Amino acid sequence: GQSESGMFDIVNRFTYPGQLVCDPFCGGGTTGVVCVSTGRNFIGIDCDEAAIETSKKRMSEYGD
């Protein structure tokens, strides 16, 4: 797992608001949370349906 502050640093350095970030191993959704909360578009992929549900729940707290 990655901390939100660590992922914020990575996302902020390599993308701009409005750009698309794809995480093919989204796990708990930390990348998605950072993207949604900073105005990036996000596609998350995981083979674990429970992880996808966790990610969706976390991201819904930050926007649509």
N, C-alpha and C. Protein backbone atom coordinates (compact mmCIF):
# COMPACT_ATOMS: atom_id res chain seq x y z
N GLY A 1 0.81 -1.19 0.00
CA GLY A 1 0.00 0.00 0.00
C GLY A 1 0.86 1.25 0.00
N GLN A 2 0.30 2.27 -0.57
CA GLN A 2 0.97 3.56 -0.69
C GLN A 2 0.19 4.59 0.13
N SER A 3 0.89 5.48 0.77
CA SER A 3 0.23 6.54 1.51
C SER A 3 -0.38 7.55 0.54
N GLU A 4 -1.44 8.22 0.97
CA GLU A 4 -2.04 9.25 0.12
C GLU A 4 -1.05 10.38 -0.14
N SER A 5 -0.26 10.76 0.86
CA SER A 5 0.69 11.85 0.65
C SER A 5 1.78 11.44 -0.34
N GLY A 6 2.23 10.20 -0.28
CA GLY A 6 3.23 9.73 -1.23
C GLY A 6 2.69 9.67 -2.65
N MET A 7 1.45 9.19 -2.78
CA MET A 7 0.84 9.12 -4.11
C MET A 7 0.51 10.50 -4.63
N PHE A 8 0.13 11.42 -3.74
CA PHE A 8 -0.12 12.80 -4.15
C PHE A 8 1.13 13.37 -4.80
N ASP A 9 2.27 13.14 -4.20
CA ASP A 9 3.53 13.65 -4.74
C ASP A 9 3.77 13.11 -6.14
N ILE A 10 3.56 11.83 -6.35
CA ILE A 10 3.78 11.21 -7.67
C ILE A 10 2.79 11.76 -8.69
N VAL A 11 1.51 11.76 -8.34
CA VAL A 11 0.48 12.23 -9.26
C VAL A 11 0.70 13.70 -9.61
N ASN A 12 1.02 14.50 -8.62
CA ASN A 12 1.23 15.93 -8.83
C ASN A 12 2.46 16.22 -9.70
N ARG A 13 3.49 15.41 -9.58
CA ARG A 13 4.71 15.62 -10.37
C ARG A 13 4.55 15.25 -11.84
N PHE A 14 3.73 14.23 -12.11
CA PHE A 14 3.69 13.67 -13.46
C PHE A 14 2.41 13.91 -14.24
N THR A 15 1.41 14.52 -13.61
CA THR A 15 0.16 14.79 -14.33
C THR A 15 -0.35 16.18 -13.99
N TYR A 16 -1.28 16.63 -14.82
CA TYR A 16 -1.96 17.90 -14.59
C TYR A 16 -3.43 17.64 -14.35
N PRO A 17 -4.12 18.54 -13.64
CA PRO A 17 -5.57 18.37 -13.48
C PRO A 17 -6.24 18.22 -14.85
N GLY A 18 -7.21 17.32 -14.91
CA GLY A 18 -7.91 17.05 -16.16
C GLY A 18 -7.33 15.89 -16.94
N GLN A 19 -6.10 15.50 -16.63
CA GLN A 19 -5.50 14.37 -17.34
C GLN A 19 -6.01 13.05 -16.76
N LEU A 20 -5.77 11.98 -17.50
CA LEU A 20 -6.22 10.65 -17.14
C LEU A 20 -5.09 9.83 -16.54
N VAL A 21 -5.36 9.19 -15.40
CA VAL A 21 -4.41 8.30 -14.75
C VAL A 21 -5.04 6.91 -14.73
N CYS A 22 -4.30 5.89 -15.15
CA CYS A 22 -4.76 4.52 -15.12
C CYS A 22 -3.90 3.72 -14.15
N ASP A 23 -4.56 3.05 -13.21
CA ASP A 23 -3.87 2.20 -12.24
C ASP A 23 -4.37 0.77 -12.44
N PRO A 24 -3.56 -0.10 -13.06
CA PRO A 24 -4.02 -1.47 -13.35
C PRO A 24 -4.03 -2.40 -12.14
N PHE A 25 -3.56 -1.92 -11.00
CA PHE A 25 -3.57 -2.71 -9.76
C PHE A 25 -4.05 -1.82 -8.63
N CYS A 26 -5.30 -1.36 -8.70
CA CYS A 26 -5.75 -0.27 -7.83
C CYS A 26 -5.90 -0.64 -6.36
N GLY A 27 -6.04 -1.90 -6.04
CA GLY A 27 -6.10 -2.30 -4.63
C GLY A 27 -7.12 -1.51 -3.85
N GLY A 28 -6.69 -0.84 -2.80
CA GLY A 28 -7.58 -0.08 -1.94
C GLY A 28 -7.98 1.28 -2.47
N GLY A 29 -7.43 1.70 -3.60
CA GLY A 29 -7.87 2.92 -4.25
C GLY A 29 -7.16 4.21 -3.89
N THR A 30 -5.98 4.11 -3.31
CA THR A 30 -5.26 5.32 -2.91
C THR A 30 -5.00 6.24 -4.11
N THR A 31 -4.56 5.67 -5.22
CA THR A 31 -4.30 6.48 -6.41
C THR A 31 -5.58 7.15 -6.87
N GLY A 32 -6.69 6.43 -6.87
CA GLY A 32 -7.97 6.98 -7.28
C GLY A 32 -8.42 8.12 -6.40
N VAL A 33 -8.26 7.96 -5.10
CA VAL A 33 -8.64 9.01 -4.15
C VAL A 33 -7.84 10.27 -4.43
N VAL A 34 -6.56 10.13 -4.63
CA VAL A 34 -5.71 11.29 -4.92
C VAL A 34 -6.12 11.94 -6.23
N CYS A 35 -6.37 11.13 -7.24
CA CYS A 35 -6.76 11.68 -8.55
C CYS A 35 -8.08 12.43 -8.46
N VAL A 36 -9.08 11.81 -7.87
CA VAL A 36 -10.40 12.45 -7.77
C VAL A 36 -10.32 13.74 -6.95
N SER A 37 -9.56 13.71 -5.87
CA SER A 37 -9.49 14.89 -5.01
C SER A 37 -8.64 16.02 -5.59
N THR A 38 -7.85 15.73 -6.63
CA THR A 38 -7.02 16.77 -7.24
C THR A 38 -7.41 17.07 -8.70
N GLY A 39 -8.59 16.60 -9.10
CA GLY A 39 -9.11 16.96 -10.42
C GLY A 39 -8.58 16.16 -11.59
N ARG A 40 -8.00 15.01 -11.32
CA ARG A 40 -7.58 14.12 -12.40
C ARG A 40 -8.68 13.11 -12.68
N ASN A 41 -8.74 12.62 -13.90
CA ASN A 41 -9.63 11.52 -14.25
C ASN A 41 -8.91 10.22 -13.91
N PHE A 42 -9.66 9.19 -13.59
CA PHE A 42 -9.04 7.97 -13.09
C PHE A 42 -9.73 6.72 -13.61
N ILE A 43 -8.93 5.76 -14.03
CA ILE A 43 -9.40 4.42 -14.36
C ILE A 43 -8.63 3.45 -13.47
N GLY A 44 -9.36 2.67 -12.69
CA GLY A 44 -8.74 1.69 -11.81
C GLY A 44 -9.14 0.29 -12.22
N ILE A 45 -8.20 -0.62 -12.19
CA ILE A 45 -8.43 -2.01 -12.57
C ILE A 45 -7.88 -2.91 -11.47
N ASP A 46 -8.62 -3.95 -11.14
CA ASP A 46 -8.13 -4.94 -10.19
C ASP A 46 -8.90 -6.23 -10.41
N CYS A 47 -8.26 -7.37 -10.17
CA CYS A 47 -8.94 -8.65 -10.33
C CYS A 47 -9.76 -9.03 -9.10
N ASP A 48 -9.62 -8.27 -8.02
CA ASP A 48 -10.33 -8.53 -6.77
C ASP A 48 -11.55 -7.61 -6.68
N GLU A 49 -12.74 -8.19 -6.79
CA GLU A 49 -13.96 -7.37 -6.76
C GLU A 49 -14.12 -6.60 -5.45
N ALA A 50 -13.68 -7.18 -4.34
CA ALA A 50 -13.76 -6.49 -3.06
C ALA A 50 -12.88 -5.23 -3.08
N ALA A 51 -11.72 -5.31 -3.69
CA ALA A 51 -10.83 -4.15 -3.80
C ALA A 51 -11.49 -3.05 -4.63
N ILE A 52 -12.16 -3.44 -5.70
CA ILE A 52 -12.86 -2.46 -6.55
C ILE A 52 -13.96 -1.77 -5.74
N GLU A 53 -14.72 -2.52 -4.98
CA GLU A 53 -15.78 -1.93 -4.17
C GLU A 53 -15.21 -0.98 -3.11
N THR A 54 -14.11 -1.37 -2.49
CA THR A 54 -13.45 -0.49 -1.52
C THR A 54 -13.00 0.80 -2.19
N SER A 55 -12.39 0.67 -3.36
CA SER A 55 -11.93 1.85 -4.10
C SER A 55 -13.09 2.77 -4.45
N LYS A 56 -14.16 2.21 -4.97
CA LYS A 56 -15.32 3.01 -5.35
C LYS A 56 -15.89 3.75 -4.14
N LYS A 57 -15.97 3.07 -3.00
CA LYS A 57 -16.49 3.70 -1.80
C LYS A 57 -15.60 4.86 -1.35
N ARG A 58 -14.29 4.63 -1.34
CA ARG A 58 -13.36 5.68 -0.92
C ARG A 58 -13.44 6.89 -1.86
N MET A 59 -13.46 6.64 -3.17
CA MET A 59 -13.48 7.74 -4.13
C MET A 59 -14.80 8.50 -4.09
N SER A 60 -15.90 7.82 -3.77
CA SER A 60 -17.20 8.51 -3.74
C SER A 60 -17.25 9.58 -2.65
N GLU A 61 -16.40 9.47 -1.66
CA GLU A 61 -16.34 10.46 -0.59
C GLU A 61 -15.72 11.77 -1.09
N TYR A 62 -15.07 11.74 -2.26
CA TYR A 62 -14.36 12.92 -2.78
C TYR A 62 -15.03 13.54 -4.00
N GLY A 63 -16.03 12.91 -4.55
CA GLY A 63 -16.68 13.48 -5.73
C GLY A 63 -17.56 12.46 -6.40
N ASP A 64 -17.90 12.75 -7.65
CA ASP A 64 -18.81 11.89 -8.42
C ASP A 64 -18.19 10.55 -8.75
